[in-house]
Structures are given as structure tokens and as C-alpha cells.
Amino acid sequence: NAKVNYQLSPEQLQNITVEKKQGVIASSGALAVNTGEFTGRSPK
């Protein structure tokens, strides 16, 4: 019963990210996100 978003374009995914307040647009046009607790891999 999942709502499946299949093969969305980068533009659509960027817009949804901004709408959901999970990212913002930088002055260069790139999407800027914060990955949360982990900002790198966790090898262990």
C-alpha cells in the first residue's frame, strides 16, 4: 500500500524535496540538503 513515485525526473524530485522542506535551492541552482546525524560512511 505504498504510494510509489516511479522514475521521477531530477526536477520533480528536487521540487518535492523543497516542498517537503528537506532541502533548499542554492544560488547556483543546485539542491542543498543536510544528511542528518551521519555526514559520512559508518564503516563499523
PDB file of all heavy atoms in Angstrom:
ATOM      1  N   ASN A   1       0.815  -1.239   0.000  1.00  0.00           N
ATOM      2  CA  ASN A   1       0.000   0.000   0.000  1.00  0.00           C
ATOM      3  C   ASN A   1       0.837   1.272   0.000  1.00  0.00           C
ATOM      4  O   ASN A   1       0.440   2.283   0.573  1.00  0.00           O
ATOM      5  CB  ASN A   1      -0.947   0.029   1.222  1.00  0.00           C
ATOM      6  CG  ASN A   1      -1.820  -1.208   1.271  1.00  0.00           C
ATOM      7  OD1 ASN A   1      -2.320  -1.651   0.245  1.00  0.00           O
ATOM      8  ND2 ASN A   1      -1.957  -1.789   2.450  1.00  0.00           N
ATOM      9  N   ALA A   2       1.977   1.221  -0.629  1.00  0.00           N
ATOM     10  CA  ALA A   2       2.818   2.425  -0.677  1.00  0.00           C
ATOM     11  C   ALA A   2       2.391   3.296  -1.846  1.00  0.00           C
ATOM     12  O   ALA A   2       1.896   2.797  -2.858  1.00  0.00           O
ATOM     13  CB  ALA A   2       4.283   2.039  -0.824  1.00  0.00           C
ATOM     14  N   LYS A   3       2.578   4.603  -1.694  1.00  0.00           N
ATOM     15  CA  LYS A   3       2.402   5.493  -2.837  1.00  0.00           C
ATOM     16  C   LYS A   3       3.754   5.514  -3.564  1.00  0.00           C
ATOM     17  O   LYS A   3       4.740   6.043  -3.043  1.00  0.00           O
ATOM     18  CB  LYS A   3       2.017   6.909  -2.377  1.00  0.00           C
ATOM     19  CG  LYS A   3       1.771   7.820  -3.580  1.00  0.00           C
ATOM     20  CD  LYS A   3       1.624   9.277  -3.208  1.00  0.00           C
ATOM     21  CE  LYS A   3       1.581  10.110  -4.491  1.00  0.00           C
ATOM     22  NZ  LYS A   3       1.651  11.552  -4.231  1.00  0.00           N
ATOM     23  N   VAL A   4       3.783   4.904  -4.748  1.00  0.00           N
ATOM     24  CA  VAL A   4       5.049   4.714  -5.451  1.00  0.00           C
ATOM     25  C   VAL A   4       5.274   5.819  -6.481  1.00  0.00           C
ATOM     26  O   VAL A   4       4.480   5.993  -7.404  1.00  0.00           O
ATOM     27  CB  VAL A   4       5.079   3.330  -6.148  1.00  0.00           C
ATOM     28  CG1 VAL A   4       6.395   3.155  -6.903  1.00  0.00           C
ATOM     29  CG2 VAL A   4       4.891   2.208  -5.130  1.00  0.00           C
ATOM     30  N   ASN A   5       6.353   6.584  -6.300  1.00  0.00           N
ATOM     31  CA  ASN A   5       6.773   7.569  -7.298  1.00  0.00           C
ATOM     32  C   ASN A   5       7.877   6.922  -8.125  1.00  0.00           C
ATOM     33  O   ASN A   5       9.005   6.764  -7.652  1.00  0.00           O
ATOM     34  CB  ASN A   5       7.320   8.818  -6.606  1.00  0.00           C
ATOM     35  CG  ASN A   5       6.256   9.536  -5.811  1.00  0.00           C
ATOM     36  OD1 ASN A   5       5.399  10.208  -6.365  1.00  0.00           O
ATOM     37  ND2 ASN A   5       6.302   9.389  -4.485  1.00  0.00           N
ATOM     38  N   TYR A   6       7.549   6.517  -9.362  1.00  0.00           N
ATOM     39  CA  TYR A   6       8.487   5.739 -10.165  1.00  0.00           C
ATOM     40  C   TYR A   6       9.182   6.604 -11.221  1.00  0.00           C
ATOM     41  O   TYR A   6       8.517   7.304 -11.989  1.00  0.00           O
ATOM     42  CB  TYR A   6       7.768   4.570 -10.846  1.00  0.00           C
ATOM     43  CG  TYR A   6       8.651   3.754 -11.769  1.00  0.00           C
ATOM     44  CD1 TYR A   6       9.685   2.967 -11.251  1.00  0.00           C
ATOM     45  CD2 TYR A   6       8.468   3.770 -13.148  1.00  0.00           C
ATOM     46  CE1 TYR A   6      10.500   2.224 -12.081  1.00  0.00           C
ATOM     47  CE2 TYR A   6       9.284   3.026 -13.995  1.00  0.00           C
ATOM     48  CZ  TYR A   6      10.305   2.259 -13.453  1.00  0.00           C
ATOM     49  OH  TYR A   6      11.115   1.528 -14.283  1.00  0.00           O
ATOM     50  N   GLN A   7      10.505   6.565 -11.204  1.00  0.00           N
ATOM     51  CA  GLN A   7      11.337   7.150 -12.275  1.00  0.00           C
ATOM     52  C   GLN A   7      11.043   8.646 -12.476  1.00  0.00           C
ATOM     53  O   GLN A   7      10.964   9.127 -13.607  1.00  0.00           O
ATOM     54  CB  GLN A   7      11.106   6.367 -13.582  1.00  0.00           C
ATOM     55  CG  GLN A   7      12.346   6.150 -14.432  1.00  0.00           C
ATOM     56  CD  GLN A   7      13.354   5.181 -13.815  1.00  0.00           C
ATOM     57  OE1 GLN A   7      13.121   4.589 -12.780  1.00  0.00           O
ATOM     58  NE2 GLN A   7      14.510   5.040 -14.442  1.00  0.00           N
ATOM     59  N   LEU A   8      10.879   9.369 -11.367  1.00  0.00           N
ATOM     60  CA  LEU A   8      10.643  10.809 -11.488  1.00  0.00           C
ATOM     61  C   LEU A   8      11.896  11.498 -12.014  1.00  0.00           C
ATOM     62  O   LEU A   8      13.011  11.039 -11.792  1.00  0.00           O
ATOM     63  CB  LEU A   8      10.258  11.416 -10.130  1.00  0.00           C
ATOM     64  CG  LEU A   8       8.963  10.939  -9.476  1.00  0.00           C
ATOM     65  CD1 LEU A   8       8.650  11.809  -8.258  1.00  0.00           C
ATOM     66  CD2 LEU A   8       7.787  10.960 -10.438  1.00  0.00           C
ATOM     67  N   SER A   9      11.704  12.610 -12.698  1.00  0.00           N
ATOM     68  CA  SER A   9      12.843  13.369 -13.221  1.00  0.00           C
ATOM     69  C   SER A   9      13.553  14.065 -12.052  1.00  0.00           C
ATOM     70  O   SER A   9      12.955  14.297 -10.990  1.00  0.00           O
ATOM     71  CB  SER A   9      12.365  14.419 -14.219  1.00  0.00           C
ATOM     72  OG  SER A   9      11.659  15.444 -13.524  1.00  0.00           O
ATOM     73  N   PRO A  10      14.820  14.451 -12.233  1.00  0.00           N
ATOM     74  CA  PRO A  10      15.523  15.182 -11.171  1.00  0.00           C
ATOM     75  C   PRO A  10      14.783  16.449 -10.763  1.00  0.00           C
ATOM     76  O   PRO A  10      14.742  16.796  -9.583  1.00  0.00           O
ATOM     77  CB  PRO A  10      16.877  15.520 -11.806  1.00  0.00           C
ATOM     78  CG  PRO A  10      17.040  14.601 -12.949  1.00  0.00           C
ATOM     79  CD  PRO A  10      15.670  14.207 -13.405  1.00  0.00           C
ATOM     80  N   GLU A  11      14.199  17.117 -11.748  1.00  0.00           N
ATOM     81  CA  GLU A  11      13.466  18.354 -11.455  1.00  0.00           C
ATOM     82  C   GLU A  11      12.285  18.081 -10.533  1.00  0.00           C
ATOM     83  O   GLU A  11      12.050  18.803  -9.554  1.00  0.00           O
ATOM     84  CB  GLU A  11      12.986  18.974 -12.776  1.00  0.00           C
ATOM     85  CG  GLU A  11      12.511  20.393 -12.625  1.00  0.00           C
ATOM     86  CD  GLU A  11      12.316  21.076 -13.978  1.00  0.00           C
ATOM     87  OE1 GLU A  11      12.301  20.395 -15.020  1.00  0.00           O
ATOM     88  OE2 GLU A  11      12.170  22.300 -13.955  1.00  0.00           O
ATOM     89  N   GLN A  12      11.518  17.014 -10.840  1.00  0.00           N
ATOM     90  CA  GLN A  12      10.383  16.659  -9.972  1.00  0.00           C
ATOM     91  C   GLN A  12      10.861  16.324  -8.559  1.00  0.00           C
ATOM     92  O   GLN A  12      10.275  16.761  -7.571  1.00  0.00           O
ATOM     93  CB  GLN A  12       9.637  15.449 -10.569  1.00  0.00           C
ATOM     94  CG  GLN A  12       8.868  15.767 -11.847  1.00  0.00           C
ATOM     95  CD  GLN A  12       8.368  14.485 -12.509  1.00  0.00           C
ATOM     96  OE1 GLN A  12       9.133  13.557 -12.769  1.00  0.00           O
ATOM     97  NE2 GLN A  12       7.069  14.428 -12.778  1.00  0.00           N
ATOM     98  N   LEU A  13      11.942  15.545  -8.462  1.00  0.00           N
ATOM     99  CA  LEU A  13      12.451  15.137  -7.148  1.00  0.00           C
ATOM    100  C   LEU A  13      12.970  16.339  -6.366  1.00  0.00           C
ATOM    101  O   LEU A  13      12.771  16.427  -5.153  1.00  0.00           O
ATOM    102  CB  LEU A  13      13.569  14.094  -7.327  1.00  0.00           C
ATOM    103  CG  LEU A  13      13.074  12.740  -7.855  1.00  0.00           C
ATOM    104  CD1 LEU A  13      14.240  11.913  -8.375  1.00  0.00           C
ATOM    105  CD2 LEU A  13      12.299  11.966  -6.791  1.00  0.00           C
ATOM    106  N   GLN A  14      13.591  17.269  -7.063  1.00  0.00           N
ATOM    107  CA  GLN A  14      14.083  18.494  -6.413  1.00  0.00           C
ATOM    108  C   GLN A  14      12.908  19.302  -5.876  1.00  0.00           C
ATOM    109  O   GLN A  14      12.937  19.774  -4.732  1.00  0.00           O
ATOM    110  CB  GLN A  14      14.895  19.314  -7.416  1.00  0.00           C
ATOM    111  CG  GLN A  14      15.381  20.634  -6.849  1.00  0.00           C
ATOM    112  CD  GLN A  14      16.368  21.325  -7.769  1.00  0.00           C
ATOM    113  OE1 GLN A  14      17.412  20.781  -8.084  1.00  0.00           O
ATOM    114  NE2 GLN A  14      16.046  22.538  -8.211  1.00  0.00           N
ATOM    115  N   ASN A  15      11.862  19.458  -6.693  1.00  0.00           N
ATOM    116  CA  ASN A  15      10.683  20.229  -6.266  1.00  0.00           C
ATOM    117  C   ASN A  15      10.021  19.608  -5.040  1.00  0.00           C
ATOM    118  O   ASN A  15       9.635  20.312  -4.100  1.00  0.00           O
ATOM    119  CB  ASN A  15       9.665  20.335  -7.409  1.00  0.00           C
ATOM    120  CG  ASN A  15      10.179  21.210  -8.548  1.00  0.00           C
ATOM    121  OD1 ASN A  15      11.121  21.969  -8.368  1.00  0.00           O
ATOM    122  ND2 ASN A  15       9.575  21.090  -9.725  1.00  0.00           N
ATOM    123  N   ILE A  16       9.906  18.268  -5.047  1.00  0.00           N
ATOM    124  CA  ILE A  16       9.275  17.577  -3.906  1.00  0.00           C
ATOM    125  C   ILE A  16      10.133  17.768  -2.646  1.00  0.00           C
ATOM    126  O   ILE A  16       9.615  18.005  -1.550  1.00  0.00           O
ATOM    127  CB  ILE A  16       9.070  16.071  -4.211  1.00  0.00           C
ATOM    128  CG1 ILE A  16       8.070  15.889  -5.364  1.00  0.00           C
ATOM    129  CG2 ILE A  16       8.577  15.329  -2.969  1.00  0.00           C
ATOM    130  CD1 ILE A  16       8.053  14.485  -5.951  1.00  0.00           C
ATOM    131  N   THR A  17      11.466  17.685  -2.807  1.00  0.00           N
ATOM    132  CA  THR A  17      12.377  17.872  -1.667  1.00  0.00           C
ATOM    133  C   THR A  17      12.180  19.245  -1.038  1.00  0.00           C
ATOM    134  O   THR A  17      12.113  19.377   0.195  1.00  0.00           O
ATOM    135  CB  THR A  17      13.844  17.707  -2.129  1.00  0.00           C
ATOM    136  OG1 THR A  17      14.010  16.410  -2.712  1.00  0.00           O
ATOM    137  CG2 THR A  17      14.812  17.861  -0.967  1.00  0.00           C
ATOM    138  N   VAL A  18      12.061  20.270  -1.890  1.00  0.00           N
ATOM    139  CA  VAL A  18      11.880  21.641  -1.388  1.00  0.00           C
ATOM    140  C   VAL A  18      10.496  21.779  -0.739  1.00  0.00           C
ATOM    141  O   VAL A  18      10.369  22.357   0.352  1.00  0.00           O
ATOM    142  CB  VAL A  18      12.087  22.669  -2.524  1.00  0.00           C
ATOM    143  CG1 VAL A  18      11.737  24.077  -2.057  1.00  0.00           C
ATOM    144  CG2 VAL A  18      13.538  22.619  -3.018  1.00  0.00           C
ATOM    145  N   GLU A  19       9.463  21.230  -1.402  1.00  0.00           N
ATOM    146  CA  GLU A  19       8.094  21.280  -0.844  1.00  0.00           C
ATOM    147  C   GLU A  19       8.026  20.634   0.534  1.00  0.00           C
ATOM    148  O   GLU A  19       7.357  21.113   1.434  1.00  0.00           O
ATOM    149  CB  GLU A  19       7.110  20.534  -1.767  1.00  0.00           C
ATOM    150  CG  GLU A  19       6.643  21.340  -2.966  1.00  0.00           C
ATOM    151  CD  GLU A  19       6.022  20.436  -4.043  1.00  0.00           C
ATOM    152  OE1 GLU A  19       5.548  19.327  -3.694  1.00  0.00           O
ATOM    153  OE2 GLU A  19       6.038  20.827  -5.226  1.00  0.00           O
ATOM    154  N   LYS A  20       8.753  19.528   0.700  1.00  0.00           N
ATOM    155  CA  LYS A  20       8.724  18.798   1.971  1.00  0.00           C
ATOM    156  C   LYS A  20       9.705  19.405   2.997  1.00  0.00           C
ATOM    157  O   LYS A  20       9.920  18.825   4.062  1.00  0.00           O
ATOM    158  CB  LYS A  20       9.079  17.315   1.740  1.00  0.00           C
ATOM    159  CG  LYS A  20       7.999  16.532   1.002  1.00  0.00           C
ATOM    160  CD  LYS A  20       8.397  15.060   0.877  1.00  0.00           C
ATOM    161  CE  LYS A  20       7.332  14.245   0.177  1.00  0.00           C
ATOM    162  NZ  LYS A  20       6.122  14.008   0.984  1.00  0.00           N
ATOM    163  N   LYS A  21      10.328  20.528   2.599  1.00  0.00           N
ATOM    164  CA  LYS A  21      11.294  21.218   3.464  1.00  0.00           C
ATOM    165  C   LYS A  21      12.466  20.307   3.865  1.00  0.00           C
ATOM    166  O   LYS A  21      12.993  20.383   4.974  1.00  0.00           O
ATOM    167  CB  LYS A  21      10.599  21.805   4.701  1.00  0.00           C
ATOM    168  CG  LYS A  21       9.587  22.889   4.337  1.00  0.00           C
ATOM    169  CD  LYS A  21       9.089  23.626   5.557  1.00  0.00           C
ATOM    170  CE  LYS A  21       8.354  24.921   5.237  1.00  0.00           C
ATOM    171  NZ  LYS A  21       7.481  24.888   4.064  1.00  0.00           N
ATOM    172  N   GLN A  22      12.857  19.445   2.926  1.00  0.00           N
ATOM    173  CA  GLN A  22      14.013  18.574   3.159  1.00  0.00           C
ATOM    174  C   GLN A  22      15.271  19.119   2.477  1.00  0.00           C
ATOM    175  O   GLN A  22      16.336  18.521   2.550  1.00  0.00           O
ATOM    176  CB  GLN A  22      13.720  17.154   2.647  1.00  0.00           C
ATOM    177  CG  GLN A  22      12.628  16.460   3.443  1.00  0.00           C
ATOM    178  CD  GLN A  22      12.274  15.087   2.861  1.00  0.00           C
ATOM    179  OE1 GLN A  22      12.895  14.597   1.933  1.00  0.00           O
ATOM    180  NE2 GLN A  22      11.244  14.474   3.418  1.00  0.00           N
ATOM    181  N   GLY A  23      15.119  20.259   1.791  1.00  0.00           N
ATOM    182  CA  GLY A  23      16.264  20.860   1.118  1.00  0.00           C
ATOM    183  C   GLY A  23      15.902  22.249   0.631  1.00  0.00           C
ATOM    184  O   GLY A  23      14.725  22.637   0.626  1.00  0.00           O
ATOM    185  N   VAL A  24      16.933  23.001   0.233  1.00  0.00           N
ATOM    186  CA  VAL A  24      16.721  24.356  -0.296  1.00  0.00           C
ATOM    187  C   VAL A  24      17.554  24.511  -1.567  1.00  0.00           C
ATOM    188  O   VAL A  24      18.491  23.753  -1.810  1.00  0.00           O
ATOM    189  CB  VAL A  24      17.116  25.455   0.727  1.00  0.00           C
ATOM    190  CG1 VAL A  24      16.206  25.421   1.942  1.00  0.00           C
ATOM    191  CG2 VAL A  24      18.576  25.302   1.157  1.00  0.00           C
ATOM    192  N   ILE A  25      17.214  25.508  -2.358  1.00  0.00           N
ATOM    193  CA  ILE A  25      17.951  25.752  -3.598  1.00  0.00           C
ATOM    194  C   ILE A  25      19.057  26.776  -3.341  1.00  0.00           C
ATOM    195  O   ILE A  25      18.797  27.859  -2.825  1.00  0.00           O
ATOM    196  CB  ILE A  25      17.016  26.261  -4.720  1.00  0.00           C
ATOM    197  CG1 ILE A  25      15.819  25.307  -4.911  1.00  0.00           C
ATOM    198  CG2 ILE A  25      17.789  26.422  -6.032  1.00  0.00           C
ATOM    199  CD1 ILE A  25      16.191  23.887  -5.282  1.00  0.00           C
ATOM    200  N   ALA A  26      20.277  26.413  -3.714  1.00  0.00           N
ATOM    201  CA  ALA A  26      21.415  27.328  -3.589  1.00  0.00           C
ATOM    202  C   ALA A  26      21.390  28.330  -4.740  1.00  0.00           C
ATOM    203  O   ALA A  26      20.674  28.142  -5.735  1.00  0.00           O
ATOM    204  CB  ALA A  26      22.717  26.529  -3.607  1.00  0.00           C
ATOM    205  N   SER A  27      22.179  29.378  -4.630  1.00  0.00           N
ATOM    206  CA  SER A  27      22.196  30.420  -5.667  1.00  0.00           C
ATOM    207  C   SER A  27      22.652  29.869  -7.018  1.00  0.00           C
ATOM    208  O   SER A  27      22.291  30.397  -8.068  1.00  0.00           O
ATOM    209  CB  SER A  27      23.124  31.565  -5.244  1.00  0.00           C
ATOM    210  OG  SER A  27      24.444  31.068  -5.063  1.00  0.00           O
ATOM    211  N   SER A  28      23.405  28.772  -7.016  1.00  0.00           N
ATOM    212  CA  SER A  28      23.880  28.150  -8.260  1.00  0.00           C
ATOM    213  C   SER A  28      22.776  27.354  -8.962  1.00  0.00           C
ATOM    214  O   SER A  28      22.955  26.908 -10.095  1.00  0.00           O
ATOM    215  CB  SER A  28      25.036  27.198  -7.952  1.00  0.00           C
ATOM    216  OG  SER A  28      24.569  26.157  -7.088  1.00  0.00           O
ATOM    217  N   GLY A  29      21.636  27.146  -8.262  1.00  0.00           N
ATOM    218  CA  GLY A  29      20.563  26.313  -8.810  1.00  0.00           C
ATOM    219  C   GLY A  29      20.604  24.887  -8.289  1.00  0.00           C
ATOM    220  O   GLY A  29      19.678  24.113  -8.481  1.00  0.00           O
ATOM    221  N   ALA A  30      21.704  24.523  -7.592  1.00  0.00           N
ATOM    222  CA  ALA A  30      21.825  23.171  -7.033  1.00  0.00           C
ATOM    223  C   ALA A  30      20.913  23.015  -5.822  1.00  0.00           C
ATOM    224  O   ALA A  30      20.570  23.992  -5.149  1.00  0.00           O
ATOM    225  CB  ALA A  30      23.272  22.894  -6.636  1.00  0.00           C
ATOM    226  N   LEU A  31      20.512  21.781  -5.550  1.00  0.00           N
ATOM    227  CA  LEU A  31      19.734  21.456  -4.359  1.00  0.00           C
ATOM    228  C   LEU A  31      20.700  21.237  -3.199  1.00  0.00           C
ATOM    229  O   LEU A  31      21.689  20.513  -3.343  1.00  0.00           O
ATOM    230  CB  LEU A  31      18.932  20.172  -4.616  1.00  0.00           C
ATOM    231  CG  LEU A  31      18.127  19.613  -3.437  1.00  0.00           C
ATOM    232  CD1 LEU A  31      17.005  20.560  -3.030  1.00  0.00           C
ATOM    233  CD2 LEU A  31      17.552  18.238  -3.789  1.00  0.00           C
ATOM    234  N   ALA A  32      20.452  21.864  -2.065  1.00  0.00           N
ATOM    235  CA  ALA A  32      21.302  21.675  -0.881  1.00  0.00           C
ATOM    236  C   ALA A  32      20.511  20.938   0.191  1.00  0.00           C
ATOM    237  O   ALA A  32      19.402  21.350   0.545  1.00  0.00           O
ATOM    238  CB  ALA A  32      21.791  23.025  -0.354  1.00  0.00           C
ATOM    239  N   VAL A  33      21.062  19.830   0.676  1.00  0.00           N
ATOM    240  CA  VAL A  33      20.390  19.029   1.705  1.00  0.00           C
ATOM    241  C   VAL A  33      21.343  18.814   2.873  1.00  0.00           C
ATOM    242  O   VAL A  33      22.555  18.957   2.746  1.00  0.00           O
ATOM    243  CB  VAL A  33      19.927  17.648   1.165  1.00  0.00           C
ATOM    244  CG1 VAL A  33      18.945  17.802   0.023  1.00  0.00           C
ATOM    245  CG2 VAL A  33      21.122  16.782   0.744  1.00  0.00           C
ATOM    246  N   ASN A  34      20.732  18.454   4.003  1.00  0.00           N
ATOM    247  CA  ASN A  34      21.506  18.067   5.172  1.00  0.00           C
ATOM    248  C   ASN A  34      21.231  16.582   5.408  1.00  0.00           C
ATOM    249  O   ASN A  34      20.070  16.187   5.496  1.00  0.00           O
ATOM    250  CB  ASN A  34      21.071  18.912   6.377  1.00  0.00           C
ATOM    251  CG  ASN A  34      22.001  18.708   7.557  1.00  0.00           C
ATOM    252  OD1 ASN A  34      22.306  17.583   7.930  1.00  0.00           O
ATOM    253  ND2 ASN A  34      22.459  19.799   8.154  1.00  0.00           N
ATOM    254  N   THR A  35      22.283  15.767   5.495  1.00  0.00           N
ATOM    255  CA  THR A  35      22.068  14.314   5.590  1.00  0.00           C
ATOM    256  C   THR A  35      21.786  13.855   7.017  1.00  0.00           C
ATOM    257  O   THR A  35      21.633  12.664   7.262  1.00  0.00           O
ATOM    258  CB  THR A  35      23.278  13.538   5.024  1.00  0.00           C
ATOM    259  OG1 THR A  35      24.449  13.863   5.792  1.00  0.00           O
ATOM    260  CG2 THR A  35      23.514  13.880   3.570  1.00  0.00           C
ATOM    261  N   GLY A  36      21.732  14.801   7.959  1.00  0.00           N
ATOM    262  CA  GLY A  36      21.318  14.442   9.318  1.00  0.00           C
ATOM    263  C   GLY A  36      22.480  13.971  10.177  1.00  0.00           C
ATOM    264  O   GLY A  36      23.605  14.464  10.058  1.00  0.00           O
ATOM    265  N   GLU A  37      22.190  13.004  11.015  1.00  0.00           N
ATOM    266  CA  GLU A  37      23.168  12.532  12.011  1.00  0.00           C
ATOM    267  C   GLU A  37      24.491  12.097  11.368  1.00  0.00           C
ATOM    268  O   GLU A  37      25.564  12.345  11.900  1.00  0.00           O
ATOM    269  CB  GLU A  37      22.546  11.350  12.764  1.00  0.00           C
ATOM    270  CG  GLU A  37      23.456  10.739  13.811  1.00  0.00           C
ATOM    271  CD  GLU A  37      22.872   9.468  14.429  1.00  0.00           C
ATOM    272  OE1 GLU A  37      21.740   9.070  14.068  1.00  0.00           O
ATOM    273  OE2 GLU A  37      23.571   8.871  15.264  1.00  0.00           O
ATOM    274  N   PHE A  38      24.416  11.435  10.213  1.00  0.00           N
ATOM    275  CA  PHE A  38      25.629  10.921   9.567  1.00  0.00           C
ATOM    276  C   PHE A  38      25.997  11.770   8.353  1.00  0.00           C
ATOM    277  O   PHE A  38      25.189  11.959   7.446  1.00  0.00           O
ATOM    278  CB  PHE A  38      25.435   9.454   9.150  1.00  0.00           C
ATOM    279  CG  PHE A  38      25.309   8.525  10.321  1.00  0.00           C
ATOM    280  CD1 PHE A  38      24.063   8.191  10.840  1.00  0.00           C
ATOM    281  CD2 PHE A  38      26.448   8.024  10.945  1.00  0.00           C
ATOM    282  CE1 PHE A  38      23.942   7.352  11.945  1.00  0.00           C
ATOM    283  CE2 PHE A  38      26.347   7.187  12.058  1.00  0.00           C
ATOM    284  CZ  PHE A  38      25.095   6.846  12.559  1.00  0.00           C
ATOM    285  N   THR A  39      27.220  12.282   8.382  1.00  0.00           N
ATOM    286  CA  THR A  39      27.702  13.099   7.259  1.00  0.00           C
ATOM    287  C   THR A  39      28.811  12.369   6.510  1.00  0.00           C
ATOM    288  O   THR A  39      29.527  12.947   5.704  1.00  0.00           O
ATOM    289  CB  THR A  39      28.236  14.446   7.783  1.00  0.00           C
ATOM    290  OG1 THR A  39      29.272  14.176   8.741  1.00  0.00           O
ATOM    291  CG2 THR A  39      27.124  15.252   8.434  1.00  0.00           C
ATOM    292  N   GLY A  40      28.970  11.099   6.811  1.00  0.00           N
ATOM    293  CA  GLY A  40      29.952  10.250   6.136  1.00  0.00           C
ATOM    294  C   GLY A  40      29.536   8.801   6.333  1.00  0.00           C
ATOM    295  O   GLY A  40      28.558   8.507   7.023  1.00  0.00           O
ATOM    296  N   ARG A  41      30.312   7.917   5.712  1.00  0.00           N
ATOM    297  CA  ARG A  41      30.024   6.495   5.875  1.00  0.00           C
ATOM    298  C   ARG A  41      30.311   6.062   7.311  1.00  0.00           C
ATOM    299  O   ARG A  41      31.081   6.691   8.019  1.00  0.00           O
ATOM    300  CB  ARG A  41      30.883   5.646   4.926  1.00  0.00           C
ATOM    301  CG  ARG A  41      30.517   5.722   3.466  1.00  0.00           C
ATOM    302  CD  ARG A  41      31.449   4.879   2.614  1.00  0.00           C
ATOM    303  NE  ARG A  41      32.840   5.263   2.828  1.00  0.00           N
ATOM    304  CZ  ARG A  41      33.688   4.650   3.642  1.00  0.00           C
ATOM    305  NH1 ARG A  41      33.301   3.609   4.351  1.00  0.00           N
ATOM    306  NH2 ARG A  41      34.935   5.073   3.784  1.00  0.00           N
ATOM    307  N   SER A  42      29.728   4.941   7.688  1.00  0.00           N
ATOM    308  CA  SER A  42      29.961   4.392   9.023  1.00  0.00           C
ATOM    309  C   SER A  42      30.526   2.974   8.849  1.00  0.00           C
ATOM    310  O   SER A  42      29.791   1.990   8.834  1.00  0.00           O
ATOM    311  CB  SER A  42      28.632   4.357   9.795  1.00  0.00           C
ATOM    312  OG  SER A  42      28.858   3.979  11.119  1.00  0.00           O
ATOM    313  N   PRO A  43      31.868   2.857   8.671  1.00  0.00           N
ATOM    314  CA  PRO A  43      32.473   1.571   8.292  1.00  0.00           C
ATOM    315  C   PRO A  43      32.200   0.434   9.275  1.00  0.00           C
ATOM    316  O   PRO A  43      32.113  -0.724   8.871  1.00  0.00           O
ATOM    317  CB  PRO A  43      33.973   1.874   8.226  1.00  0.00           C
ATOM    318  CG  PRO A  43      34.083   3.354   8.128  1.00  0.00           C
ATOM    319  CD  PRO A  43      32.870   3.927   8.783  1.00  0.00           C
ATOM    320  N   LYS A  44      32.032   0.775  10.553  1.00  0.00           N
ATOM    321  CA  LYS A  44      31.811  -0.298  11.539  1.00  0.00           C
ATOM    322  C   LYS A  44      30.384  -0.832  11.493  1.00  0.00           C
ATOM    323  O   LYS A  44      30.044  -1.783  12.195  1.00  0.00           O
ATOM    324  CB  LYS A  44      32.134   0.217  12.944  1.00  0.00           C
ATOM    325  CG  LYS A  44      33.624   0.463  13.142  1.00  0.00           C
ATOM    326  CD  LYS A  44      33.915   0.969  14.536  1.00  0.00           C
ATOM    327  CE  LYS A  44      35.420   1.181  14.719  1.00  0.00           C
ATOM    328  NZ  LYS A  44      35.722   1.921  15.946  1.00  0.00           N
TER     329      LYS A  44
END
